[in-house]
């Protein structure tokens, strides 16, 4: 059965330019990957849990930052792995260097019998949409495109 994740896509405007906040996964598998490796902060949740509550919880766990404001629902996206991601966008701001992630344990090196702790995310950053489309995992590009369309539509009707 495919797993479900929930996440938040924080955005801001800098000098009139839309930027999005992305995180880079921690651990040895992702250490040398950049393009196509970044993500919105997200995590798995159970069917009994409210997806938006899970997205807010995961954002806090992965970044150490609170998520508040008006949450704009985005269309859920099925990933190549089969996982379904539900996401919301919200306007906010933060200093990426202030991000403090929780950790996970992994046997490293493989078959060594030793457990090492790694941060769930090892860095975060603000990117223009063009930059973000290159950085983000391919299956999540649709969230960026939908955010842009939604914000442009909202500006046109206001």
C-alpha atoms as a PDB file:
ATOM      1  CA  UNK A   1       0.000   0.000   0.000  1.00  0.00           C
ATOM      2  CA  UNK A   2       1.464   3.398  -0.963  1.00  0.00           C
ATOM      3  CA  UNK A   3       2.390   5.684   1.874  1.00  0.00           C
ATOM      4  CA  UNK A   4       1.024   9.178   2.347  1.00  0.00           C
ATOM      5  CA  UNK A   5       3.061  12.256   3.175  1.00  0.00           C
ATOM      6  CA  UNK A   6       2.001  15.772   4.025  1.00  0.00           C
ATOM      7  CA  UNK A   7       4.088  18.887   3.617  1.00  0.00           C
ATOM      8  CA  UNK A   8       4.210  22.654   3.501  1.00  0.00           C
ATOM      9  CA  UNK A   9       5.600  24.887   0.788  1.00  0.00           C
ATOM     10  CA  UNK A  10       6.574  28.229   2.314  1.00  0.00           C
ATOM     11  CA  UNK A  11       6.906  31.154  -0.069  1.00  0.00           C
ATOM     12  CA  UNK A  12       7.835  34.817   0.085  1.00  0.00           C
ATOM     13  CA  UNK A  13       8.402  37.772  -2.210  1.00  0.00           C
ATOM     14  CA  UNK A  14      11.851  39.414  -2.326  1.00  0.00           C
ATOM     15  CA  UNK A  15      12.047  42.595  -4.404  1.00  0.00           C
ATOM     16  CA  UNK A  16       8.888  41.493  -6.208  1.00  0.00           C
ATOM     17  CA  UNK A  17      10.285  38.035  -7.029  1.00  0.00           C
ATOM     18  CA  UNK A  18       8.538  34.891  -5.788  1.00  0.00           C
ATOM     19  CA  UNK A  19      10.836  32.577  -3.802  1.00  0.00           C
ATOM     20  CA  UNK A  20      10.142  29.187  -2.238  1.00  0.00           C
ATOM     21  CA  UNK A  21      11.726  27.520   0.776  1.00  0.00           C
ATOM     22  CA  UNK A  22      13.149  24.048   0.140  1.00  0.00           C
ATOM     23  CA  UNK A  23      15.083  21.585   2.274  1.00  0.00           C
ATOM     24  CA  UNK A  24      17.839  19.133   1.376  1.00  0.00           C
ATOM     25  CA  UNK A  25      17.581  15.611   2.856  1.00  0.00           C
ATOM     26  CA  UNK A  26      20.304  14.577   5.260  1.00  0.00           C
ATOM     27  CA  UNK A  27      22.194  11.336   5.436  1.00  0.00           C
ATOM     28  CA  UNK A  28      24.867   9.698   3.328  1.00  0.00           C
ATOM     29  CA  UNK A  29      22.665   8.823   0.334  1.00  0.00           C
ATOM     30  CA  UNK A  30      21.895  12.494  -0.415  1.00  0.00           C
ATOM     31  CA  UNK A  31      25.212  14.036   0.676  1.00  0.00           C
ATOM     32  CA  UNK A  32      26.608  14.593  -2.828  1.00  0.00           C
ATOM     33  CA  UNK A  33      23.307  15.195  -4.620  1.00  0.00           C
ATOM     34  CA  UNK A  34      21.994  18.686  -5.344  1.00  0.00           C
ATOM     35  CA  UNK A  35      19.941  19.079  -8.522  1.00  0.00           C
ATOM     36  CA  UNK A  36      16.766  17.031  -8.254  1.00  0.00           C
ATOM     37  CA  UNK A  37      17.346  16.268  -4.564  1.00  0.00           C
ATOM     38  CA  UNK A  38      15.624  19.091  -2.643  1.00  0.00           C
ATOM     39  CA  UNK A  39      12.081  18.894  -1.301  1.00  0.00           C
ATOM     40  CA  UNK A  40       9.382  20.745   0.529  1.00  0.00           C
ATOM     41  CA  UNK A  41       9.451  19.847   4.241  1.00  0.00           C
ATOM     42  CA  UNK A  42       7.161  16.822   4.556  1.00  0.00           C
ATOM     43  CA  UNK A  43       6.665  13.518   6.270  1.00  0.00           C
ATOM     44  CA  UNK A  44       4.470  10.465   6.505  1.00  0.00           C
ATOM     45  CA  UNK A  45       1.218  10.368   8.455  1.00  0.00           C
ATOM     46  CA  UNK A  46      -1.378   7.762   9.389  1.00  0.00           C
ATOM     47  CA  UNK A  47      -4.925   7.622   7.942  1.00  0.00           C
ATOM     48  CA  UNK A  48      -6.307   8.595  11.369  1.00  0.00           C
ATOM     49  CA  UNK A  49      -4.279  11.819  11.436  1.00  0.00           C
ATOM     50  CA  UNK A  50      -5.392  15.108   9.890  1.00  0.00           C
ATOM     51  CA  UNK A  51      -3.139  15.756   6.884  1.00  0.00           C
ATOM     52  CA  UNK A  52      -2.711  19.500   7.487  1.00  0.00           C
ATOM     53  CA  UNK A  53      -1.891  18.889  11.155  1.00  0.00           C
ATOM     54  CA  UNK A  54       0.689  16.310  10.030  1.00  0.00           C
ATOM     55  CA  UNK A  55       2.157  18.767   7.504  1.00  0.00           C
ATOM     56  CA  UNK A  56       2.526  21.422  10.206  1.00  0.00           C
ATOM     57  CA  UNK A  57       4.076  18.901  12.609  1.00  0.00           C
ATOM     58  CA  UNK A  58       6.553  17.662   9.991  1.00  0.00           C
ATOM     59  CA  UNK A  59       7.521  21.214   9.044  1.00  0.00           C
ATOM     60  CA  UNK A  60       8.331  21.893  12.695  1.00  0.00           C
ATOM     61  CA  UNK A  61      10.246  18.640  13.154  1.00  0.00           C
ATOM     62  CA  UNK A  62      12.320  19.080  10.006  1.00  0.00           C
ATOM     63  CA  UNK A  63      13.070  22.796  10.365  1.00  0.00           C
ATOM     64  CA  UNK A  64      12.604  23.637  14.032  1.00  0.00           C
ATOM     65  CA  UNK A  65      10.384  26.520  12.867  1.00  0.00           C
ATOM     66  CA  UNK A  66       6.672  27.119  13.440  1.00  0.00           C
ATOM     67  CA  UNK A  67       4.283  27.220  10.487  1.00  0.00           C
ATOM     68  CA  UNK A  68       1.473  29.746  10.736  1.00  0.00           C
ATOM     69  CA  UNK A  69      -0.730  31.709   8.409  1.00  0.00           C
ATOM     70  CA  UNK A  70      -3.250  30.996   5.708  1.00  0.00           C
ATOM     71  CA  UNK A  71      -2.654  27.534   4.241  1.00  0.00           C
ATOM     72  CA  UNK A  72      -3.492  27.195   0.550  1.00  0.00           C
ATOM     73  CA  UNK A  73      -4.312  23.582  -0.392  1.00  0.00           C
ATOM     74  CA  UNK A  74      -2.396  22.251  -3.404  1.00  0.00           C
ATOM     75  CA  UNK A  75      -3.403  19.278  -5.542  1.00  0.00           C
ATOM     76  CA  UNK A  76      -2.063  16.000  -4.082  1.00  0.00           C
ATOM     77  CA  UNK A  77       0.702  14.529  -6.245  1.00  0.00           C
ATOM     78  CA  UNK A  78       1.582  10.874  -6.661  1.00  0.00           C
ATOM     79  CA  UNK A  79       5.337  10.360  -6.748  1.00  0.00           C
ATOM     80  CA  UNK A  80       7.159   7.873  -9.004  1.00  0.00           C
ATOM     81  CA  UNK A  81       7.609   5.714  -5.875  1.00  0.00           C
ATOM     82  CA  UNK A  82       3.818   5.501  -5.483  1.00  0.00           C
ATOM     83  CA  UNK A  83       3.774   7.771  -2.419  1.00  0.00           C
ATOM     84  CA  UNK A  84       1.012  10.387  -2.398  1.00  0.00           C
ATOM     85  CA  UNK A  85       2.004  13.833  -1.120  1.00  0.00           C
ATOM     86  CA  UNK A  86      -0.614  16.259   0.136  1.00  0.00           C
ATOM     87  CA  UNK A  87       0.705  19.798   0.397  1.00  0.00           C
ATOM     88  CA  UNK A  88      -0.276  23.303   1.379  1.00  0.00           C
ATOM     89  CA  UNK A  89       1.439  26.585   0.577  1.00  0.00           C
ATOM     90  CA  UNK A  90       1.765  29.481   2.999  1.00  0.00           C
ATOM     91  CA  UNK A  91       3.480  32.836   2.994  1.00  0.00           C
ATOM     92  CA  UNK A  92       6.258  33.190   5.527  1.00  0.00           C
ATOM     93  CA  UNK A  93       9.895  33.995   6.032  1.00  0.00           C
ATOM     94  CA  UNK A  94      12.832  32.542   7.903  1.00  0.00           C
ATOM     95  CA  UNK A  95      16.595  32.441   8.002  1.00  0.00           C
ATOM     96  CA  UNK A  96      17.688  29.095   6.467  1.00  0.00           C
ATOM     97  CA  UNK A  97      20.771  29.071   8.706  1.00  0.00           C
ATOM     98  CA  UNK A  98      18.452  28.952  11.747  1.00  0.00           C
ATOM     99  CA  UNK A  99      16.930  25.622  10.666  1.00  0.00           C
ATOM    100  CA  UNK A 100      17.397  22.863  13.235  1.00  0.00           C
ATOM    101  CA  UNK A 101      16.296  19.409  12.097  1.00  0.00           C
ATOM    102  CA  UNK A 102      15.437  16.305  14.049  1.00  0.00           C
ATOM    103  CA  UNK A 103      17.572  13.205  13.384  1.00  0.00           C
ATOM    104  CA  UNK A 104      17.199   9.596  12.303  1.00  0.00           C
ATOM    105  CA  UNK A 105      19.325   6.504  12.968  1.00  0.00           C
ATOM    106  CA  UNK A 106      20.892   4.511  10.144  1.00  0.00           C
ATOM    107  CA  UNK A 107      23.350   1.654  10.054  1.00  0.00           C
ATOM    108  CA  UNK A 108      26.446   3.310   8.607  1.00  0.00           C
ATOM    109  CA  UNK A 109      28.551   2.188   6.933  1.00  0.00           C
ATOM    110  CA  UNK A 110      26.247  -0.530   5.577  1.00  0.00           C
ATOM    111  CA  UNK A 111      26.583  -3.945   7.279  1.00  0.00           C
ATOM    112  CA  UNK A 112      28.920  -2.451   9.898  1.00  0.00           C
ATOM    113  CA  UNK A 113      26.541  -3.018  12.796  1.00  0.00           C
ATOM    114  CA  UNK A 114      27.086   0.617  13.870  1.00  0.00           C
ATOM    115  CA  UNK A 115      24.173   3.043  14.122  1.00  0.00           C
ATOM    116  CA  UNK A 116      24.823   6.669  13.218  1.00  0.00           C
ATOM    117  CA  UNK A 117      22.540   9.664  13.721  1.00  0.00           C
ATOM    118  CA  UNK A 118      21.886  11.945  10.737  1.00  0.00           C
ATOM    119  CA  UNK A 119      19.741  15.075  10.454  1.00  0.00           C
ATOM    120  CA  UNK A 120      16.533  14.593   8.449  1.00  0.00           C
ATOM    121  CA  UNK A 121      17.548  17.718   6.549  1.00  0.00           C
ATOM    122  CA  UNK A 122      21.098  18.994   6.329  1.00  0.00           C
ATOM    123  CA  UNK A 123      20.379  22.415   4.825  1.00  0.00           C
ATOM    124  CA  UNK A 124      17.618  24.698   3.631  1.00  0.00           C
ATOM    125  CA  UNK A 125      17.366  27.625   1.283  1.00  0.00           C
ATOM    126  CA  UNK A 126      15.273  30.129  -0.585  1.00  0.00           C
ATOM    127  CA  UNK A 127      15.078  29.746  -4.356  1.00  0.00           C
ATOM    128  CA  UNK A 128      13.379  31.524  -7.225  1.00  0.00           C
ATOM    129  CA  UNK A 129      10.887  29.307  -9.033  1.00  0.00           C
ATOM    130  CA  UNK A 130      13.343  28.743 -11.867  1.00  0.00           C
ATOM    131  CA  UNK A 131      16.069  27.653  -9.457  1.00  0.00           C
ATOM    132  CA  UNK A 132      13.636  25.576  -7.403  1.00  0.00           C
ATOM    133  CA  UNK A 133      12.412  23.655 -10.459  1.00  0.00           C
ATOM    134  CA  UNK A 134      15.997  22.468 -10.994  1.00  0.00           C
ATOM    135  CA  UNK A 135      16.658  21.724  -7.318  1.00  0.00           C
ATOM    136  CA  UNK A 136      13.425  19.979  -6.311  1.00  0.00           C
ATOM    137  CA  UNK A 137      12.707  16.262  -6.700  1.00  0.00           C
ATOM    138  CA  UNK A 138      11.062  15.836 -10.094  1.00  0.00           C
ATOM    139  CA  UNK A 139       7.767  14.501  -8.706  1.00  0.00           C
ATOM    140  CA  UNK A 140       7.281  17.709  -6.690  1.00  0.00           C
ATOM    141  CA  UNK A 141       7.710  20.243  -9.540  1.00  0.00           C
ATOM    142  CA  UNK A 142       3.922  20.342  -9.956  1.00  0.00           C
ATOM    143  CA  UNK A 143       3.568  21.938  -6.508  1.00  0.00           C
ATOM    144  CA  UNK A 144       5.766  24.843  -7.647  1.00  0.00           C
ATOM    145  CA  UNK A 145       3.833  25.289 -10.882  1.00  0.00           C
ATOM    146  CA  UNK A 146       0.483  25.180  -9.091  1.00  0.00           C
ATOM    147  CA  UNK A 147       1.664  27.711  -6.489  1.00  0.00           C
ATOM    148  CA  UNK A 148       2.730  30.101  -9.241  1.00  0.00           C
ATOM    149  CA  UNK A 149      -0.607  29.722 -11.070  1.00  0.00           C
ATOM    150  CA  UNK A 150      -2.604  30.173  -7.863  1.00  0.00           C
ATOM    151  CA  UNK A 151      -0.726  33.299  -6.805  1.00  0.00           C
ATOM    152  CA  UNK A 152      -0.957  34.815 -10.297  1.00  0.00           C
ATOM    153  CA  UNK A 153      -4.712  34.116 -10.356  1.00  0.00           C
ATOM    154  CA  UNK A 154      -5.193  35.646  -6.909  1.00  0.00           C
ATOM    155  CA  UNK A 155      -3.272  38.772  -7.959  1.00  0.00           C
ATOM    156  CA  UNK A 156      -5.362  39.070 -11.134  1.00  0.00           C
ATOM    157  CA  UNK A 157      -8.681  39.023  -9.266  1.00  0.00           C
ATOM    158  CA  UNK A 158      -7.581  41.429  -6.513  1.00  0.00           C
END
